[in-house]
Amino acid sequence: MGKFTALADYCREQKLREFELPFSKIAAMIGTRLPASAQRPQYWANVVDGTGPVRAAMKNTAYETFLVAGSKRVRFQREF
């Protein structure tokens, strides 16, 4: 079980086309603080095609992730 499995499981339960979560809620789900690098768009981008812990966990969900510019929030947008 990876670090972001709980976040991916949460996303699998969602039916919304799009929603946002603050870093604090994501940290509570995964049981640890997000690294400073989470404040860069690249940390969340390319979920389907990329590598890394977030991307690996999210690749089997219907959502792509995007950092909301100027905030500590992530937007989850349904891909299919």
Protein backbone atom coordinates (compact mmCIF):
# COMPACT_ATOMS: atom_id res chain seq x y z
CA MET A 1 0.00 0.00 0.00
CA GLY A 2 1.48 3.30 -1.11
CA LYS A 3 1.50 6.65 0.61
CA PHE A 4 -1.36 8.03 -1.51
CA THR A 5 -3.58 4.93 -1.57
CA ALA A 6 -6.11 6.51 0.82
CA LEU A 7 -6.39 9.57 -1.44
CA ALA A 8 -6.92 7.37 -4.50
CA ASP A 9 -9.56 5.35 -2.63
CA TYR A 10 -11.34 8.59 -1.68
CA CYS A 11 -11.32 9.68 -5.33
CA ARG A 12 -12.76 6.36 -6.48
CA GLU A 13 -15.77 7.00 -4.23
CA GLN A 14 -16.46 10.43 -5.74
CA LYS A 15 -19.04 11.03 -8.44
CA LEU A 16 -18.40 14.74 -9.02
CA ARG A 17 -16.96 15.94 -12.29
CA GLU A 18 -14.57 18.20 -10.40
CA PHE A 19 -13.70 19.01 -6.77
CA GLU A 20 -10.88 20.56 -4.74
CA LEU A 21 -9.15 19.47 -1.56
CA PRO A 22 -6.83 21.54 0.64
CA PHE A 23 -3.39 20.20 1.43
CA SER A 24 -4.48 19.80 5.07
CA LYS A 25 -7.26 17.34 4.13
CA ILE A 26 -4.94 15.40 1.83
CA ALA A 27 -2.32 15.24 4.61
CA ALA A 28 -4.96 13.94 7.03
CA MET A 29 -5.95 11.23 4.54
CA ILE A 30 -2.40 10.04 3.93
CA GLY A 31 -1.30 10.40 7.56
CA THR A 32 1.63 12.74 6.96
CA ARG A 33 2.42 16.25 5.77
CA LEU A 34 2.94 16.85 2.10
CA PRO A 35 6.51 17.70 1.09
CA ALA A 36 7.45 21.25 0.06
CA SER A 37 7.60 20.01 -3.54
CA ALA A 38 3.80 19.54 -3.43
CA GLN A 39 3.54 23.31 -3.90
CA ARG A 40 4.87 22.91 -7.45
CA PRO A 41 2.48 22.02 -10.29
CA GLN A 42 4.79 19.23 -11.46
CA TYR A 43 4.14 17.27 -8.27
CA TRP A 44 0.50 16.82 -9.29
CA ALA A 45 0.69 16.99 -13.09
CA ASN A 46 0.77 14.13 -15.59
CA VAL A 47 -0.93 11.70 -13.25
CA VAL A 48 -1.78 9.17 -15.94
CA ASP A 49 1.48 9.20 -17.90
CA GLY A 50 4.02 10.07 -15.20
CA THR A 51 5.74 8.36 -12.34
CA GLY A 52 5.98 9.12 -8.64
CA PRO A 53 3.86 8.34 -5.58
CA VAL A 54 0.85 10.54 -6.43
CA ARG A 55 0.84 9.49 -10.05
CA ALA A 56 1.18 5.81 -9.23
CA ALA A 57 -1.76 5.93 -6.81
CA MET A 58 -4.02 8.03 -9.02
CA LYS A 59 -3.47 6.26 -12.33
CA ASN A 60 -6.36 3.86 -11.70
CA THR A 61 -8.86 6.56 -10.78
CA ALA A 62 -11.08 8.66 -13.02
CA TYR A 63 -9.37 11.88 -11.90
CA GLU A 64 -6.47 13.99 -13.02
CA THR A 65 -4.89 16.28 -10.44
CA PHE A 66 -3.87 19.91 -10.76
CA LEU A 67 -2.36 22.32 -8.26
CA VAL A 68 -4.57 25.38 -7.86
CA ALA A 69 -2.22 28.30 -8.54
CA GLY A 70 -1.39 30.44 -5.53
CA SER A 71 -2.99 28.12 -3.01
CA LYS A 72 -2.37 24.94 -1.09
CA ARG A 73 -5.24 23.19 -2.84
CA VAL A 74 -5.50 20.46 -5.45
CA ARG A 75 -8.23 20.26 -8.08
CA PHE A 76 -9.42 16.82 -9.08
CA GLN A 77 -11.00 16.72 -12.51
CA ARG A 78 -12.80 13.66 -13.85
CA GLU A 79 -11.13 12.44 -17.00
CA PHE A 80 -13.70 9.85 -18.09
